[in-house]
Amino acid sequence: MESRKLRLILNGKKSGLPQVRQAVSAVRKDGHEVDVRVTWEAGDAGRFAAEALDDDIDVVVAGGGDGTVNEVVNGVFRRTEKPEKSVAVLPLGSANDFARGCGIPMQNATAALRFAATAAAHPIDIGRVNDSYFINALVAGFGAEVTFHTSARMKKAIHGAAYGITGFLTALKQSVYHSRVRTPTEERKGQMIFSALANGHQAGGLNIAPRAKLDDGLFDLMSVPKFDLHHLPTLVRDLTHLKQQDPTFIRYEQLPWLEVESDRNIPISPDGEVLNTRFVRIDVLKRRLKFLLPDGPLLGKN
């Protein structure tokens, strides 16, 4: 096996973890080069990622949670929308939605970094939202409010379950957003509480898009309209059977792009980041990023 040159962009909050040091040491002993850059402040991960595109390396590794992966991807794509370098993830966050949904080793840092040093790269889709990018999912409405309001302390204490607890409490005081949605096939108006536009399967620890593929040139849009309590059983049934059957209350569709305009600012969270806007345009950049992933249901056959 040929050795690889890895640039590990490590979230500074995770730099002291013994398992990370052990992983770097083990992969170096395997014969691979691992060059580490540790973030200190916001923007560092994106800057390090952009700089890596000019260096003699094979793989840029995002060491952290979904936010670190997002910042690395944005650093790459703000430099060029046709990158040649491959990207991988060393999952060290609270939810690790993207890595978990893809089947990347979660509890063993050495296994995850070895995977980055040996696995095959697959071309996958990337989302562009206005002038930013995301790799996993964009949530809007109360789902984004959950992301904004879940405290760092709660995330650390109970990991992905924190989003579920905060989401339940937030749902009790629903915010309704009157919006106009335009897609390749129609323009519609409605009252929306929650929407999720997914490239991967998971967001907030929940499987919101079981039919999604990372390389099909489509997003999976799941949206929940305003509902009363008597709709709750149908809503729950829809959410738990998305993979087996078409929903009856919520809307589930696959799209290459969409535009949303609201009567007021909608909270939007692409991969955990924070946006508030009345208008958003979201596009798929088909198979634009080479990402190191295991074979699995998120990768298509074509």
C-alpha atoms as a PDB file:
ATOM      1  CA  MET A   1       0.000   0.000   0.000  1.00  0.00           C
ATOM      2  CA  GLU A   2       1.314   3.448  -0.907  1.00  0.00           C
ATOM      3  CA  SER A   3       1.837   5.879   1.935  1.00  0.00           C
ATOM      4  CA  ARG A   4      -0.262   9.043   2.056  1.00  0.00           C
ATOM      5  CA  LYS A   5       0.365  12.583   3.183  1.00  0.00           C
ATOM      6  CA  LEU A   6      -2.401  13.770   5.518  1.00  0.00           C
ATOM      7  CA  ARG A   7      -3.093  17.303   6.718  1.00  0.00           C
ATOM      8  CA  LEU A   8      -5.079  16.977   9.963  1.00  0.00           C
ATOM      9  CA  ILE A   9      -6.966  20.173  10.768  1.00  0.00           C
ATOM     10  CA  LEU A  10      -7.748  19.639  14.436  1.00  0.00           C
ATOM     11  CA  ASN A  11     -10.315  21.549  16.465  1.00  0.00           C
ATOM     12  CA  GLY A  12      -8.297  23.199  19.225  1.00  0.00           C
ATOM     13  CA  LYS A  13     -10.742  22.010  21.884  1.00  0.00           C
ATOM     14  CA  LYS A  14      -9.847  18.410  20.980  1.00  0.00           C
ATOM     15  CA  SER A  15      -6.072  18.824  20.689  1.00  0.00           C
ATOM     16  CA  GLY A  16      -5.355  17.521  24.182  1.00  0.00           C
ATOM     17  CA  LEU A  17      -7.284  14.258  23.833  1.00  0.00           C
ATOM     18  CA  PRO A  18      -4.972  11.272  24.419  1.00  0.00           C
ATOM     19  CA  GLN A  19      -6.775   9.213  21.768  1.00  0.00           C
ATOM     20  CA  VAL A  20      -6.003  11.833  19.120  1.00  0.00           C
ATOM     21  CA  ARG A  21      -2.292  11.800  19.948  1.00  0.00           C
ATOM     22  CA  GLN A  22      -2.332   8.009  19.910  1.00  0.00           C
ATOM     23  CA  ALA A  23      -4.070   7.986  16.527  1.00  0.00           C
ATOM     24  CA  VAL A  24      -1.534  10.353  14.960  1.00  0.00           C
ATOM     25  CA  SER A  25       1.342   8.311  16.361  1.00  0.00           C
ATOM     26  CA  ALA A  26      -0.125   5.015  15.128  1.00  0.00           C
ATOM     27  CA  VAL A  27      -0.761   6.272  11.587  1.00  0.00           C
ATOM     28  CA  ARG A  28       2.751   7.706  11.385  1.00  0.00           C
ATOM     29  CA  LYS A  29       4.129   4.341  12.448  1.00  0.00           C
ATOM     30  CA  ASP A  30       2.110   2.802   9.603  1.00  0.00           C
ATOM     31  CA  GLY A  31       4.289   4.816   7.240  1.00  0.00           C
ATOM     32  CA  HIS A  32       1.997   7.741   6.463  1.00  0.00           C
ATOM     33  CA  GLU A  33       2.822  11.414   6.952  1.00  0.00           C
ATOM     34  CA  VAL A  34       0.480  13.315   9.273  1.00  0.00           C
ATOM     35  CA  ASP A  35       0.905  17.073   9.441  1.00  0.00           C
ATOM     36  CA  VAL A  36      -1.258  18.667  12.161  1.00  0.00           C
ATOM     37  CA  ARG A  37      -2.742  22.155  12.226  1.00  0.00           C
ATOM     38  CA  VAL A  38      -4.603  23.116  15.427  1.00  0.00           C
ATOM     39  CA  THR A  39      -7.321  25.767  15.321  1.00  0.00           C
ATOM     40  CA  TRP A  40      -7.227  28.632  17.775  1.00  0.00           C
ATOM     41  CA  GLU A  41     -10.120  30.855  16.729  1.00  0.00           C
ATOM     42  CA  ALA A  42     -13.071  30.977  14.340  1.00  0.00           C
ATOM     43  CA  GLY A  43     -11.988  30.838  10.714  1.00  0.00           C
ATOM     44  CA  ASP A  44      -8.782  28.891  11.303  1.00  0.00           C
ATOM     45  CA  ALA A  45     -10.111  25.579   9.975  1.00  0.00           C
ATOM     46  CA  GLY A  46     -11.300  27.162   6.733  1.00  0.00           C
ATOM     47  CA  ARG A  47      -8.026  29.020   6.270  1.00  0.00           C
ATOM     48  CA  PHE A  48      -5.956  25.893   6.917  1.00  0.00           C
ATOM     49  CA  ALA A  49      -8.105  23.950   4.441  1.00  0.00           C
ATOM     50  CA  ALA A  50      -7.662  26.571   1.719  1.00  0.00           C
ATOM     51  CA  GLU A  51      -3.898  26.620   2.300  1.00  0.00           C
ATOM     52  CA  ALA A  52      -3.751  22.819   2.079  1.00  0.00           C
ATOM     53  CA  LEU A  53      -4.937  22.926  -1.528  1.00  0.00           C
ATOM     54  CA  ASP A  54      -1.543  24.363  -2.551  1.00  0.00           C
ATOM     55  CA  ASP A  55       0.553  21.971  -0.474  1.00  0.00           C
ATOM     56  CA  ASP A  56       1.988  18.565  -1.342  1.00  0.00           C
ATOM     57  CA  ILE A  57      -0.580  16.465   0.509  1.00  0.00           C
ATOM     58  CA  ASP A  58      -3.110  13.811  -0.460  1.00  0.00           C
ATOM     59  CA  VAL A  59      -5.929  14.171   2.085  1.00  0.00           C
ATOM     60  CA  VAL A  60      -7.308  17.027   4.186  1.00  0.00           C
ATOM     61  CA  VAL A  61      -8.714  15.554   7.418  1.00  0.00           C
ATOM     62  CA  ALA A  62     -11.278  17.512   9.441  1.00  0.00           C
ATOM     63  CA  GLY A  63     -10.670  16.603  13.088  1.00  0.00           C
ATOM     64  CA  GLY A  64     -13.741  17.618  15.092  1.00  0.00           C
ATOM     65  CA  GLY A  65     -17.515  17.627  14.871  1.00  0.00           C
ATOM     66  CA  ASP A  66     -19.923  18.564  12.095  1.00  0.00           C
ATOM     67  CA  GLY A  67     -19.016  22.243  12.525  1.00  0.00           C
ATOM     68  CA  THR A  68     -15.348  21.552  11.871  1.00  0.00           C
ATOM     69  CA  VAL A  69     -16.218  19.475   8.799  1.00  0.00           C
ATOM     70  CA  ASN A  70     -18.417  22.340   7.581  1.00  0.00           C
ATOM     71  CA  GLU A  71     -15.669  24.912   8.077  1.00  0.00           C
ATOM     72  CA  VAL A  72     -13.128  22.749   6.245  1.00  0.00           C
ATOM     73  CA  VAL A  73     -15.512  22.188   3.327  1.00  0.00           C
ATOM     74  CA  ASN A  74     -16.234  25.918   3.146  1.00  0.00           C
ATOM     75  CA  GLY A  75     -12.523  26.697   3.184  1.00  0.00           C
ATOM     76  CA  VAL A  76     -11.994  24.344   0.262  1.00  0.00           C
ATOM     77  CA  PHE A  77     -14.951  25.520  -1.847  1.00  0.00           C
ATOM     78  CA  ARG A  78     -14.478  29.222  -1.265  1.00  0.00           C
ATOM     79  CA  ARG A  79     -11.077  28.701  -2.826  1.00  0.00           C
ATOM     80  CA  THR A  80     -12.324  26.587  -5.742  1.00  0.00           C
ATOM     81  CA  GLU A  81     -15.549  24.768  -6.649  1.00  0.00           C
ATOM     82  CA  LYS A  82     -13.513  22.065  -8.417  1.00  0.00           C
ATOM     83  CA  PRO A  83     -11.042  20.873  -5.764  1.00  0.00           C
ATOM     84  CA  GLU A  84      -8.519  18.144  -6.542  1.00  0.00           C
ATOM     85  CA  LYS A  85      -7.611  17.188  -2.965  1.00  0.00           C
ATOM     86  CA  SER A  86      -9.552  14.516  -1.088  1.00  0.00           C
ATOM     87  CA  VAL A  87     -11.220  15.204   2.270  1.00  0.00           C
ATOM     88  CA  ALA A  88     -11.815  12.913   5.240  1.00  0.00           C
ATOM     89  CA  VAL A  89     -13.122  13.244   8.793  1.00  0.00           C
ATOM     90  CA  LEU A  90     -11.804  12.271  12.207  1.00  0.00           C
ATOM     91  CA  PRO A  91     -15.105  12.469  14.166  1.00  0.00           C
ATOM     92  CA  LEU A  92     -14.636  14.129  17.556  1.00  0.00           C
ATOM     93  CA  GLY A  93     -17.863  16.124  18.018  1.00  0.00           C
ATOM     94  CA  SER A  94     -21.122  15.758  19.925  1.00  0.00           C
ATOM     95  CA  ALA A  95     -23.443  14.398  17.250  1.00  0.00           C
ATOM     96  CA  ASN A  96     -21.084  13.652  14.318  1.00  0.00           C
ATOM     97  CA  ASP A  97     -24.123  13.358  12.070  1.00  0.00           C
ATOM     98  CA  PHE A  98     -22.235  13.172   8.793  1.00  0.00           C
ATOM     99  CA  ALA A  99     -19.629  10.634   9.922  1.00  0.00           C
ATOM    100  CA  ARG A 100     -22.194   8.517  11.750  1.00  0.00           C
ATOM    101  CA  GLY A 101     -24.532   8.432   8.773  1.00  0.00           C
ATOM    102  CA  CYS A 102     -21.669   7.378   6.484  1.00  0.00           C
ATOM    103  CA  GLY A 103     -20.427   4.553   8.718  1.00  0.00           C
ATOM    104  CA  ILE A 104     -17.042   6.094   9.528  1.00  0.00           C
ATOM    105  CA  PRO A 105     -15.486   4.611  12.721  1.00  0.00           C
ATOM    106  CA  MET A 106     -16.894   6.622  15.622  1.00  0.00           C
ATOM    107  CA  GLN A 107     -15.453   5.428  18.909  1.00  0.00           C
ATOM    108  CA  ASN A 108     -11.909   4.683  17.808  1.00  0.00           C
ATOM    109  CA  ALA A 109      -9.809   7.659  16.707  1.00  0.00           C
ATOM    110  CA  THR A 110      -6.986   5.442  15.481  1.00  0.00           C
ATOM    111  CA  ALA A 111      -9.358   3.418  13.280  1.00  0.00           C
ATOM    112  CA  ALA A 112     -10.887   6.617  11.862  1.00  0.00           C
ATOM    113  CA  LEU A 113      -7.511   8.179  11.050  1.00  0.00           C
ATOM    114  CA  ARG A 114      -6.257   4.909   9.559  1.00  0.00           C
ATOM    115  CA  PHE A 115      -9.372   4.891   7.408  1.00  0.00           C
ATOM    116  CA  ALA A 116      -8.430   8.364   6.150  1.00  0.00           C
ATOM    117  CA  ALA A 117      -4.969   7.049   5.304  1.00  0.00           C
ATOM    118  CA  THR A 118      -6.133   3.971   3.393  1.00  0.00           C
ATOM    119  CA  ALA A 119      -9.732   4.267   2.131  1.00  0.00           C
ATOM    120  CA  ALA A 120     -10.922   5.033  -1.376  1.00  0.00           C
ATOM    121  CA  ALA A 121     -12.189   8.498  -2.273  1.00  0.00           C
ATOM    122  CA  HIS A 122     -15.707   8.838  -3.707  1.00  0.00           C
ATOM    123  CA  PRO A 123     -16.963  11.931  -5.567  1.00  0.00           C
ATOM    124  CA  ILE A 124     -19.939  13.296  -3.625  1.00  0.00           C
ATOM    125  CA  ASP A 125     -22.386  16.177  -3.890  1.00  0.00           C
ATOM    126  CA  ILE A 126     -22.017  19.457  -2.013  1.00  0.00           C
ATOM    127  CA  GLY A 127     -24.733  21.957  -1.159  1.00  0.00           C
ATOM    128  CA  ARG A 128     -24.370  25.659  -1.877  1.00  0.00           C
ATOM    129  CA  VAL A 129     -26.643  27.928   0.140  1.00  0.00           C
ATOM    130  CA  ASN A 130     -26.420  31.574  -0.994  1.00  0.00           C
ATOM    131  CA  ASP A 131     -22.627  32.093  -0.719  1.00  0.00           C
ATOM    132  CA  SER A 132     -21.853  29.254   1.731  1.00  0.00           C
ATOM    133  CA  TYR A 133     -21.556  25.465   1.448  1.00  0.00           C
ATOM    134  CA  PHE A 134     -22.665  22.400   3.378  1.00  0.00           C
ATOM    135  CA  ILE A 135     -22.003  18.687   3.107  1.00  0.00           C
ATOM    136  CA  ASN A 136     -24.641  16.958   5.233  1.00  0.00           C
ATOM    137  CA  ALA A 137     -27.921  18.772   5.906  1.00  0.00           C
ATOM    138  CA  LEU A 138     -29.576  22.135   6.161  1.00  0.00           C
ATOM    139  CA  VAL A 139     -32.419  22.503   8.635  1.00  0.00           C
ATOM    140  CA  ALA A 140     -34.812  25.436   8.858  1.00  0.00           C
ATOM    141  CA  GLY A 141     -37.529  26.524  11.245  1.00  0.00           C
ATOM    142  CA  PHE A 142     -37.661  25.047  14.725  1.00  0.00           C
ATOM    143  CA  GLY A 143     -35.031  22.464  13.770  1.00  0.00           C
ATOM    144  CA  ALA A 144     -32.552  25.295  13.310  1.00  0.00           C
ATOM    145  CA  GLU A 145     -33.741  26.905  16.533  1.00  0.00           C
ATOM    146  CA  VAL A 146     -32.845  23.643  18.270  1.00  0.00           C
ATOM    147  CA  THR A 147     -29.317  23.834  16.879  1.00  0.00           C
ATOM    148  CA  PHE A 148     -28.952  27.473  17.899  1.00  0.00           C
ATOM    149  CA  HIS A 149     -30.274  27.004  21.437  1.00  0.00           C
ATOM    150  CA  THR A 150     -28.781  23.667  22.486  1.00  0.00           C
ATOM    151  CA  SER A 151     -26.059  24.624  24.928  1.00  0.00           C
ATOM    152  CA  ALA A 152     -22.476  23.421  24.593  1.00  0.00           C
ATOM    153  CA  ARG A 153     -22.749  22.023  28.123  1.00  0.00           C
ATOM    154  CA  MET A 154     -25.810  19.917  27.228  1.00  0.00           C
ATOM    155  CA  LYS A 155     -24.166  18.690  24.004  1.00  0.00           C
ATOM    156  CA  LYS A 156     -21.094  17.571  25.919  1.00  0.00           C
ATOM    157  CA  ALA A 157     -23.125  15.868  28.632  1.00  0.00           C
ATOM    158  CA  ILE A 158     -25.502  13.810  26.496  1.00  0.00           C
ATOM    159  CA  HIS A 159     -24.096  14.135  22.963  1.00  0.00           C
ATOM    160  CA  GLY A 160     -26.634  13.754  20.107  1.00  0.00           C
ATOM    161  CA  ALA A 161     -29.586  13.243  22.460  1.00  0.00           C
ATOM    162  CA  ALA A 162     -29.273  16.908  23.465  1.00  0.00           C
ATOM    163  CA  TYR A 163     -30.850  17.961  20.179  1.00  0.00           C
ATOM    164  CA  GLY A 164     -33.829  15.661  20.729  1.00  0.00           C
ATOM    165  CA  ILE A 165     -34.521  17.007  24.223  1.00  0.00           C
ATOM    166  CA  THR A 166     -34.184  20.639  23.180  1.00  0.00           C
ATOM    167  CA  GLY A 167     -36.259  19.959  20.055  1.00  0.00           C
ATOM    168  CA  PHE A 168     -39.108  18.498  22.078  1.00  0.00           C
ATOM    169  CA  LEU A 169     -39.215  21.545  24.325  1.00  0.00           C
ATOM    170  CA  THR A 170     -39.015  23.925  21.365  1.00  0.00           C
ATOM    171  CA  ALA A 171     -41.783  22.116  19.489  1.00  0.00           C
ATOM    172  CA  LEU A 172     -44.181  22.909  22.313  1.00  0.00           C
ATOM    173  CA  LYS A 173     -44.027  26.569  21.265  1.00  0.00           C
ATOM    174  CA  GLN A 174     -44.102  26.213  17.494  1.00  0.00           C
ATOM    175  CA  SER A 175     -43.037  29.079  15.257  1.00  0.00           C
ATOM    176  CA  VAL A 176     -44.856  29.167  11.929  1.00  0.00           C
ATOM    177  CA  TYR A 177     -43.117  30.614   8.877  1.00  0.00           C
ATOM    178  CA  HIS A 178     -45.234  31.776   5.932  1.00  0.00           C
ATOM    179  CA  SER A 179     -43.091  31.018   2.915  1.00  0.00           C
ATOM    180  CA  ARG A 180     -43.030  30.785  -0.877  1.00  0.00           C
ATOM    181  CA  VAL A 181     -41.068  27.812  -2.250  1.00  0.00           C
ATOM    182  CA  ARG A 182     -39.868  27.528  -5.841  1.00  0.00           C
ATOM    183  CA  THR A 183     -38.532  24.242  -7.276  1.00  0.00           C
ATOM    184  CA  PRO A 184     -37.792  23.020 -10.829  1.00  0.00           C
ATOM    185  CA  THR A 185     -41.393  21.819 -11.136  1.00  0.00           C
ATOM    186  CA  GLU A 186     -43.570  24.248  -9.190  1.00  0.00           C
ATOM    187  CA  GLU A 187     -44.021  27.331  -7.043  1.00  0.00           C
ATOM    188  CA  ARG A 188     -46.081  27.003  -3.874  1.00  0.00           C
ATOM    189  CA  LYS A 189     -47.028  28.909  -0.741  1.00  0.00           C
ATOM    190  CA  GLY A 190     -47.585  27.493   2.713  1.00  0.00           C
ATOM    191  CA  GLN A 191     -47.073  27.596   6.457  1.00  0.00           C
ATOM    192  CA  MET A 192     -43.951  25.745   7.496  1.00  0.00           C
ATOM    193  CA  ILE A 193     -42.751  24.746  10.966  1.00  0.00           C
ATOM    194  CA  PHE A 194     -39.754  22.616  10.102  1.00  0.00           C
ATOM    195  CA  SER A 195     -37.824  21.727   6.943  1.00  0.00           C
ATOM    196  CA  ALA A 196     -34.710  19.658   6.388  1.00  0.00           C
ATOM    197  CA  LEU A 197     -32.780  19.556   3.137  1.00  0.00           C
ATOM    198  CA  ALA A 198     -30.484  16.563   3.347  1.00  0.00           C
ATOM    199  CA  ASN A 199     -27.492  15.299   1.424  1.00  0.00           C
ATOM    200  CA  GLY A 200     -26.767  12.651   4.068  1.00  0.00           C
ATOM    201  CA  HIS A 201     -29.143  10.662   6.251  1.00  0.00           C
ATOM    202  CA  GLN A 202     -28.842  12.271   9.690  1.00  0.00           C
ATOM    203  CA  ALA A 203     -29.286  15.653  11.354  1.00  0.00           C
ATOM    204  CA  GLY A 204     -29.492  16.340  15.074  1.00  0.00           C
ATOM    205  CA  GLY A 205     -29.029  12.622  15.763  1.00  0.00           C
ATOM    206  CA  LEU A 206     -32.191  11.744  13.784  1.00  0.00           C
ATOM    207  CA  ASN A 207     -32.537   9.878  10.486  1.00  0.00           C
ATOM    208  CA  ILE A 208     -34.389  12.558   8.532  1.00  0.00           C
ATOM    209  CA  ALA A 209     -33.647  11.388   4.976  1.00  0.00           C
ATOM    210  CA  PRO A 210     -33.435   7.580   4.742  1.00  0.00           C
ATOM    211  CA  ARG A 211     -33.573   7.620   0.921  1.00  0.00           C
ATOM    212  CA  ALA A 212     -30.749  10.134   0.466  1.00  0.00           C
ATOM    213  CA  LYS A 213     -27.652   9.467  -1.634  1.00  0.00           C
ATOM    214  CA  LEU A 214     -24.484  11.522  -1.484  1.00  0.00           C
ATOM    215  CA  ASP A 215     -23.788  11.287  -5.194  1.00  0.00           C
ATOM    216  CA  ASP A 216     -27.142  11.455  -7.024  1.00  0.00           C
ATOM    217  CA  GLY A 217     -27.224  15.204  -7.678  1.00  0.00           C
ATOM    218  CA  LEU A 218     -30.352  15.603  -5.534  1.00  0.00           C
ATOM    219  CA  PHE A 219     -31.273  16.829  -2.087  1.00  0.00           C
ATOM    220  CA  ASP A 220     -33.963  15.091  -0.047  1.00  0.00           C
ATOM    221  CA  LEU A 221     -36.390  17.722   1.258  1.00  0.00           C
ATOM    222  CA  MET A 222     -38.538  16.789   4.239  1.00  0.00           C
ATOM    223  CA  SER A 223     -40.919  19.516   5.412  1.00  0.00           C
ATOM    224  CA  VAL A 224     -43.489  19.649   8.210  1.00  0.00           C
ATOM    225  CA  PRO A 225     -46.447  22.044   7.792  1.00  0.00           C
ATOM    226  CA  LYS A 226     -48.301  23.678  10.660  1.00  0.00           C
ATOM    227  CA  PHE A 227     -50.084  20.989  12.648  1.00  0.00           C
ATOM    228  CA  ASP A 228     -52.534  20.600  15.507  1.00  0.00           C
ATOM    229  CA  LEU A 229     -52.199  18.030  18.264  1.00  0.00           C
ATOM    230  CA  HIS A 230     -54.624  15.659  16.552  1.00  0.00           C
ATOM    231  CA  HIS A 231     -52.136  15.450  13.633  1.00  0.00           C
ATOM    232  CA  LEU A 232     -49.379  14.218  15.934  1.00  0.00           C
ATOM    233  CA  PRO A 233     -49.956  10.434  15.497  1.00  0.00           C
ATOM    234  CA  THR A 234     -49.870  10.814  11.697  1.00  0.00           C
ATOM    235  CA  LEU A 235     -46.781  12.995  11.907  1.00  0.00           C
ATOM    236  CA  VAL A 236     -44.961  10.464  14.090  1.00  0.00           C
ATOM    237  CA  ARG A 237     -45.976   7.608  11.782  1.00  0.00           C
ATOM    238  CA  ASP A 238     -44.689   9.520   8.766  1.00  0.00           C
ATOM    239  CA  LEU A 239     -41.362  10.258  10.427  1.00  0.00           C
ATOM    240  CA  THR A 240     -40.806   6.669  11.501  1.00  0.00           C
ATOM    241  CA  HIS A 241     -41.755   5.107   8.147  1.00  0.00           C
ATOM    242  CA  LEU A 242     -40.081   7.433   5.640  1.00  0.00           C
ATOM    243  CA  LYS A 243     -37.974   4.624   4.249  1.00  0.00           C
ATOM    244  CA  GLN A 244     -40.824   2.142   3.834  1.00  0.00           C
ATOM    245  CA  GLN A 245     -43.660   4.276   2.447  1.00  0.00           C
ATOM    246  CA  ASP A 246     -44.611   7.715   1.204  1.00  0.00           C
ATOM    247  CA  PRO A 247     -45.739  10.038   4.007  1.00  0.00           C
ATOM    248  CA  THR A 248     -49.326  11.224   4.263  1.00  0.00           C
ATOM    249  CA  PHE A 249     -48.918  14.441   6.266  1.00  0.00           C
ATOM    250  CA  ILE A 250     -45.372  15.678   5.878  1.00  0.00           C
ATOM    251  CA  ARG A 251     -43.822  16.314   2.453  1.00  0.00           C
ATOM    252  CA  TYR A 252     -40.819  14.340   1.185  1.00  0.00           C
ATOM    253  CA  GLU A 253     -39.307  15.083  -2.235  1.00  0.00           C
ATOM    254  CA  GLN A 254     -35.988  15.040  -4.108  1.00  0.00           C
ATOM    255  CA  LEU A 255     -34.716  18.216  -5.774  1.00  0.00           C
ATOM    256  CA  PRO A 256     -31.577  19.564  -7.485  1.00  0.00           C
ATOM    257  CA  TRP A 257     -32.287  23.095  -6.216  1.00  0.00           C
ATOM    258  CA  LEU A 258     -34.883  25.244  -4.521  1.00  0.00           C
ATOM    259  CA  GLU A 259     -35.561  28.810  -3.438  1.00  0.00           C
ATOM    260  CA  VAL A 260     -37.417  29.860  -0.301  1.00  0.00           C
ATOM    261  CA  GLU A 261     -38.726  33.315   0.546  1.00  0.00           C
ATOM    262  CA  SER A 262     -40.466  34.085   3.835  1.00  0.00           C
ATOM    263  CA  ASP A 263     -42.404  36.959   5.330  1.00  0.00           C
ATOM    264  CA  ARG A 264     -39.772  37.172   8.083  1.00  0.00           C
ATOM    265  CA  ASN A 265     -36.332  35.857   8.853  1.00  0.00           C
ATOM    266  CA  ILE A 266     -36.156  32.077   8.999  1.00  0.00           C
ATOM    267  CA  PRO A 267     -33.497  30.469  11.214  1.00  0.00           C
ATOM    268  CA  ILE A 268     -31.405  28.237   8.959  1.00  0.00           C
ATOM    269  CA  SER A 269     -28.651  25.867  10.011  1.00  0.00           C
ATOM    270  CA  PRO A 270     -26.412  24.341   7.314  1.00  0.00           C
ATOM    271  CA  ASP A 271     -24.346  21.668   9.118  1.00  0.00           C
ATOM    272  CA  GLY A 272     -24.874  23.380  12.468  1.00  0.00           C
ATOM    273  CA  GLU A 273     -23.877  26.876  11.384  1.00  0.00           C
ATOM    274  CA  VAL A 274     -26.114  29.893  12.010  1.00  0.00           C
ATOM    275  CA  LEU A 275     -28.010  31.894   9.383  1.00  0.00           C
ATOM    276  CA  ASN A 276     -31.108  34.089   9.589  1.00  0.00           C
ATOM    277  CA  THR A 277     -32.542  35.201   6.277  1.00  0.00           C
ATOM    278  CA  ARG A 278     -35.808  35.889   4.438  1.00  0.00           C
ATOM    279  CA  PHE A 279     -34.534  34.513   1.122  1.00  0.00           C
ATOM    280  CA  VAL A 280     -32.354  31.503   0.372  1.00  0.00           C
ATOM    281  CA  ARG A 281     -31.271  29.740  -2.825  1.00  0.00           C
ATOM    282  CA  ILE A 282     -29.867  26.228  -2.416  1.00  0.00           C
ATOM    283  CA  ASP A 283     -28.139  24.277  -5.201  1.00  0.00           C
ATOM    284  CA  VAL A 284     -26.522  20.857  -5.537  1.00  0.00           C
ATOM    285  CA  LEU A 285     -22.944  20.832  -6.835  1.00  0.00           C
ATOM    286  CA  LYS A 286     -22.989  17.300  -8.209  1.00  0.00           C
ATOM    287  CA  ARG A 287     -20.025  15.048  -7.339  1.00  0.00           C
ATOM    288  CA  ARG A 288     -17.716  17.995  -6.712  1.00  0.00           C
ATOM    289  CA  LEU A 289     -15.794  16.714  -3.687  1.00  0.00           C
ATOM    290  CA  LYS A 290     -13.651  13.594  -3.346  1.00  0.00           C
ATOM    291  CA  PHE A 291     -14.425  12.276   0.144  1.00  0.00           C
ATOM    292  CA  LEU A 292     -13.037   9.163   1.821  1.00  0.00           C
ATOM    293  CA  LEU A 293     -16.055   7.021   2.654  1.00  0.00           C
ATOM    294  CA  PRO A 294     -16.905   3.345   3.138  1.00  0.00           C
ATOM    295  CA  ASP A 295     -19.170   1.666   0.605  1.00  0.00           C
ATOM    296  CA  GLY A 296     -22.746   1.782   1.852  1.00  0.00           C
ATOM    297  CA  PRO A 297     -26.323   2.944   1.272  1.00  0.00           C
ATOM    298  CA  LEU A 298     -25.335   6.599   0.974  1.00  0.00           C
ATOM    299  CA  LEU A 299     -23.440   5.932  -2.249  1.00  0.00           C
ATOM    300  CA  GLY A 300     -25.336   5.228  -5.453  1.00  0.00           C
ATOM    301  CA  LYS A 301     -24.495   2.763  -8.190  1.00  0.00           C
ATOM    302  CA  ASN A 302     -24.411   5.140 -11.147  1.00  0.00           C
END
